[in-house]
Amino acid sequence: IETSCDETAAAIVEDGKKIISNVVASQINIHQKYGGVVPEIASRKHMEYIIPVIDKALDESEKKITDLSAIAVTYGPGLIGSLLVGLSVAKAMAYAQNIPLIGINHLEAHIYANFLEHNEIKPPFVCLIVSGGHTSLVYIRNFEEYKLLGQTKDDAAGEVFDKIAKVLDLGYPGGPITEKLAKEGEPSSIKFPRPLLNDKSYDFSFSGLKTAVIYYIKEL
């Protein structure tokens, strides 16, 4: 069960890797008019969607709740109100069925999602996590054994995409729209700053780039 931001999701998984069903209820159309996710609205919509999403996931997998051997749920990081909806339902289900409740770190889940499509990957390896409010470079020494190599010192990459898209009035979510338009442009036509190129760390910085783009747009 995943409710860390604005999507309500539930999947039935077998043996840790085989996805039998995967149901996602999106809130994009609801938050579009605000130009970003409104936490209070997101949590209320999770309350509305969570049970139908879980029921649909069970139906599509042709399983019953009594067939489940455990409940896994995102506990963070994320929007606190949204997380509480998923956690509350997951706890109730696990308690009612007397099965284990497994708390999942949102960022750790991004790392392990790679194994679903690339089961040939074996530790050690380096993973770049670029998700919404997070931009991190992580060394996976072994399963459940990590070392943070670097992370953003200010804005996350996803936040910058959304903010620039909002300034350009491109719509929400800004990332996919900006990416699509960028592919149609000329990469070398505008010179923007590239911070930390001479820095010996593995950290990122996107705030200066964001500001430079905003000033460039205002001067057009």
Foldseek 3Di string as FASTA:
>chain_A
DEQQEQKAKDFDADPVARTLFIFIDGCQVVCFVVLDGDLVVSLVVCLVCHVVRHVVNCVSSVHDLLPDQEAEYECDDGRNSRRVSRVVVRVVSCVVNVHYYHYDHPQVVVVCVVCNVVVVDADQDWDFDQDQFWTFIWTDRHVVDIDTQETEPDGGPQVLQSVLCVLVVVIPPRPVSVVVVVVVDDPPPDDFDAPPPVPPGPYHYCPRRSVRSSVVVVVD
